[in-house]
Structure formats: C-alpha cells, structure tokens
Amino acid sequence: MSNLTINQLTTFTGSPQNNDLIIIWDGTDARKITYAELFNQIFSGSTSLQCDGNRLNLTGSIIPTQNDQYDLGSAEYKFRDLYLGNNTLHMGDKSFNSTNIDDSMEIKNISIPSSPISEGNKGDVVFDNNFMYVCIDTNSWKRINLDSIW
C-alpha cells in the first residue's frame, strides 16, 4: 500500500499487508503502527474486518480495551439506524430485550382514544380527568375509571 491521505482511503481498493504502516494522529501526537498490530489491538480471536470503501464488514466481536471509555457516535454525529438481534441490550444497570420491551407500558402525550378501537400501539397509556386508557393490543383500548373520591 502506498502513502495515502484520509481522503484517498475512501477510494482505495486492494488488500493491506500485515507490515503496511498506518499513522495515527490525535491532533497533537502521531504514532506509526503496522496493520497487523492495529488489528491485534482492536480485535481478538477470529475477528476480521474488510473494507470496500463504502462499508466495513465485520466477522466477530468488537471488545474495547478499557471499560466504559469509548463512544459509538456523538451528540453531533449520530448513527442513523441500529439493527440488533433478539438478544439483550445493556445500558448501565438496565437490560432491554424483545420480551421486556414488548411487555412495557409507556405513558405518552397522545390523543385520548374516542372508542375502544381507536388508533394505538400495545403499551400506550393516556389519562384524562375521568379515565386511564390502556392500549392492550394494536388499536384495542381498555379504560379504567379514576376514583374521584380518595
């Protein structure tokens, strides 16, 4: 691989060799590292990464070298979509999976349903002065009378 700038990497095609050098610069300091060393530090086991200039294809797991130190995206530069399998998503001490998300109840700022078959999604909950409305399935509502004397 010849010397390439970041802009040239977007159109680069070919296969880097293990002894090809990559220069990493953090805005202050620069460091040379070989392609093999970089991937040994980032990936472990049978993990591999291929790039065709438009997307990265990953085989294996991405495991950071330090706990709770790195970001995926930023407040300014977000990922558009995130696709996950049916396993669990862990955020802090909370765990989310397809079962507990489907079974959750959410209070929303949406219109009060005008009938038991008004538009709604399972888990939607809304209130007015007299009733609490719970959507128990798509477009299927139940309402509970709120006791005015407590």
Protein backbone atom coordinates (compact mmCIF):
# COMPACT_ATOMS: atom_id res chain seq x y z
CA MET A 1 0.00 0.00 0.00
CA SER A 2 1.42 3.39 -0.91
CA ASN A 3 1.22 6.51 1.24
CA LEU A 4 -2.42 7.61 1.28
CA THR A 5 -4.23 10.54 2.83
CA ILE A 6 -7.54 10.09 4.66
CA ASN A 7 -9.42 11.38 1.57
CA GLN A 8 -7.65 8.83 -0.64
CA LEU A 9 -8.62 5.99 1.71
CA THR A 10 -12.29 6.39 0.74
CA THR A 11 -11.46 5.30 -2.81
CA PHE A 12 -8.62 2.90 -2.03
CA THR A 13 -9.10 -0.66 -3.25
CA GLY A 14 -6.78 -3.51 -2.52
CA SER A 15 -5.62 -5.60 0.38
CA PRO A 16 -3.36 -4.10 3.02
CA GLN A 17 -0.41 -6.23 4.02
CA ASN A 18 0.41 -7.04 7.65
CA ASN A 19 3.60 -4.93 7.55
CA ASP A 20 1.92 -1.86 5.96
CA LEU A 21 2.19 1.14 8.27
CA ILE A 22 -0.73 3.18 9.49
CA ILE A 23 -0.11 6.59 11.07
CA ILE A 24 -2.49 7.51 13.86
CA TRP A 25 -2.63 11.18 14.78
CA ASP A 26 -4.72 12.58 17.65
CA GLY A 27 -4.23 16.23 16.73
CA THR A 28 -1.08 16.54 18.82
CA ASP A 29 0.96 13.36 18.58
CA ALA A 30 1.41 10.85 15.78
CA ARG A 31 2.24 7.16 16.08
CA LYS A 32 3.18 4.56 13.48
CA ILE A 33 1.63 1.14 13.80
CA THR A 34 1.51 -1.77 11.38
CA TYR A 35 -1.78 -3.00 10.01
CA ALA A 36 -1.28 -6.30 11.88
CA GLU A 37 -0.55 -4.54 15.21
CA LEU A 38 -3.62 -2.31 14.81
CA PHE A 39 -5.94 -5.23 14.28
CA ASN A 40 -4.33 -7.27 17.05
CA GLN A 41 -5.04 -4.39 19.44
CA ILE A 42 -8.62 -3.79 18.24
CA PHE A 43 -9.84 -7.31 17.53
CA SER A 44 -9.30 -10.62 19.19
CA GLY A 45 -9.86 -14.28 18.32
CA SER A 46 -11.32 -14.90 14.89
CA THR A 47 -12.50 -11.33 14.35
CA SER A 48 -11.82 -9.84 10.93
CA LEU A 49 -12.70 -6.60 9.21
CA GLN A 50 -12.92 -5.93 5.48
CA CYS A 51 -13.48 -2.53 3.88
CA ASP A 52 -14.52 -1.88 0.30
CA GLY A 53 -14.54 1.95 0.56
CA ASN A 54 -18.29 2.11 1.22
CA ARG A 55 -18.78 -0.14 4.21
CA LEU A 56 -16.97 -2.22 6.80
CA ASN A 57 -17.78 -5.92 7.08
CA LEU A 58 -17.10 -7.42 10.49
CA THR A 59 -16.75 -11.05 11.49
CA GLY A 60 -16.53 -11.50 15.25
CA SER A 61 -16.92 -9.25 18.28
CA ILE A 62 -15.71 -5.72 18.96
CA ILE A 63 -14.41 -5.56 22.53
CA PRO A 64 -12.94 -2.29 23.84
CA THR A 65 -9.59 -2.41 25.61
CA GLN A 66 -10.92 -0.36 28.56
CA ASN A 67 -14.28 -0.40 30.34
CA ASP A 68 -16.73 2.49 29.80
CA GLN A 69 -14.24 4.71 27.92
CA TYR A 70 -15.33 4.84 24.25
CA ASP A 71 -18.32 6.15 22.30
CA LEU A 72 -20.19 5.00 19.25
CA GLY A 73 -21.18 8.22 17.51
CA SER A 74 -21.53 11.56 19.28
CA ALA A 75 -24.12 14.22 20.09
CA GLU A 76 -23.27 15.90 16.78
CA TYR A 77 -22.60 12.84 14.62
CA LYS A 78 -25.19 10.14 15.25
CA PHE A 79 -25.76 6.80 13.58
CA ARG A 80 -28.99 6.81 11.57
CA ASP A 81 -30.15 3.25 12.31
CA LEU A 82 -29.07 0.50 14.66
CA TYR A 83 -30.12 -3.08 13.93
CA LEU A 84 -29.82 -5.65 16.70
CA GLY A 85 -30.74 -9.29 17.09
CA ASN A 86 -33.12 -10.67 19.72
CA ASN A 87 -30.52 -10.76 22.48
CA THR A 88 -30.29 -8.21 25.27
CA LEU A 89 -29.16 -4.58 25.06
CA HIS A 90 -27.46 -3.49 28.30
CA MET A 91 -27.38 0.19 29.32
CA GLY A 92 -25.83 0.83 32.73
CA ASP A 93 -27.66 -1.46 35.15
CA LYS A 94 -30.74 -1.80 32.89
CA SER A 95 -31.30 -4.60 30.40
CA PHE A 96 -33.66 -4.44 27.42
CA ASN A 97 -34.74 -7.32 25.21
CA SER A 98 -37.59 -8.01 22.81
CA THR A 99 -39.73 -9.51 25.60
CA ASN A 100 -39.49 -6.77 28.21
CA ILE A 101 -39.80 -4.02 25.57
CA ASP A 102 -42.98 -5.62 24.17
CA ASP A 103 -44.40 -6.01 27.68
CA SER A 104 -43.59 -2.46 28.80
CA MET A 105 -46.13 0.29 29.44
CA GLU A 106 -45.43 3.83 28.29
CA ILE A 107 -47.36 6.98 29.21
CA LYS A 108 -47.50 9.14 26.11
CA ASN A 109 -48.67 12.59 25.19
CA ILE A 110 -51.16 11.38 22.56
CA SER A 111 -54.87 11.97 21.98
CA ILE A 112 -57.42 10.32 24.22
CA PRO A 113 -58.98 7.41 22.30
CA SER A 114 -62.53 8.14 21.15
CA SER A 115 -63.53 4.46 21.05
CA PRO A 116 -62.21 1.04 22.07
CA ILE A 117 -60.83 0.58 18.52
CA SER A 118 -59.08 3.95 18.15
CA GLU A 119 -55.56 4.02 16.75
CA GLY A 120 -52.95 2.95 19.28
CA ASN A 121 -49.97 0.69 19.96
CA LYS A 122 -49.79 -2.02 22.61
CA GLY A 123 -48.50 -0.45 25.83
CA ASP A 124 -49.73 3.12 25.14
CA VAL A 125 -51.26 4.74 28.24
CA VAL A 126 -53.07 8.11 28.40
CA PHE A 127 -55.17 9.89 31.02
CA ASP A 128 -57.97 12.42 31.19
CA ASN A 129 -59.84 13.67 34.29
CA ASN A 130 -62.08 10.59 34.49
CA PHE A 131 -60.27 7.61 32.96
CA MET A 132 -56.94 5.95 32.38
CA TYR A 133 -56.82 4.40 28.89
CA VAL A 134 -54.55 1.42 28.19
CA CYS A 135 -53.91 0.08 24.69
CA ILE A 136 -53.77 -3.72 25.19
CA ASP A 137 -53.08 -4.56 21.53
CA THR A 138 -52.84 -2.64 18.26
CA ASN A 139 -55.95 -0.39 18.05
CA SER A 140 -57.56 -2.10 21.07
CA TRP A 141 -58.16 0.04 24.18
CA LYS A 142 -59.49 -0.55 27.70
CA ARG A 143 -60.34 2.23 30.12
CA ILE A 144 -60.31 2.32 33.88
CA ASN A 145 -62.50 4.71 35.88
CA LEU A 146 -60.45 7.00 38.12
CA ASP A 147 -61.96 7.33 41.58
CA SER A 148 -62.77 10.98 42.22
CA ILE A 149 -63.12 10.39 45.98
CA TRP A 150 -59.94 9.22 47.60
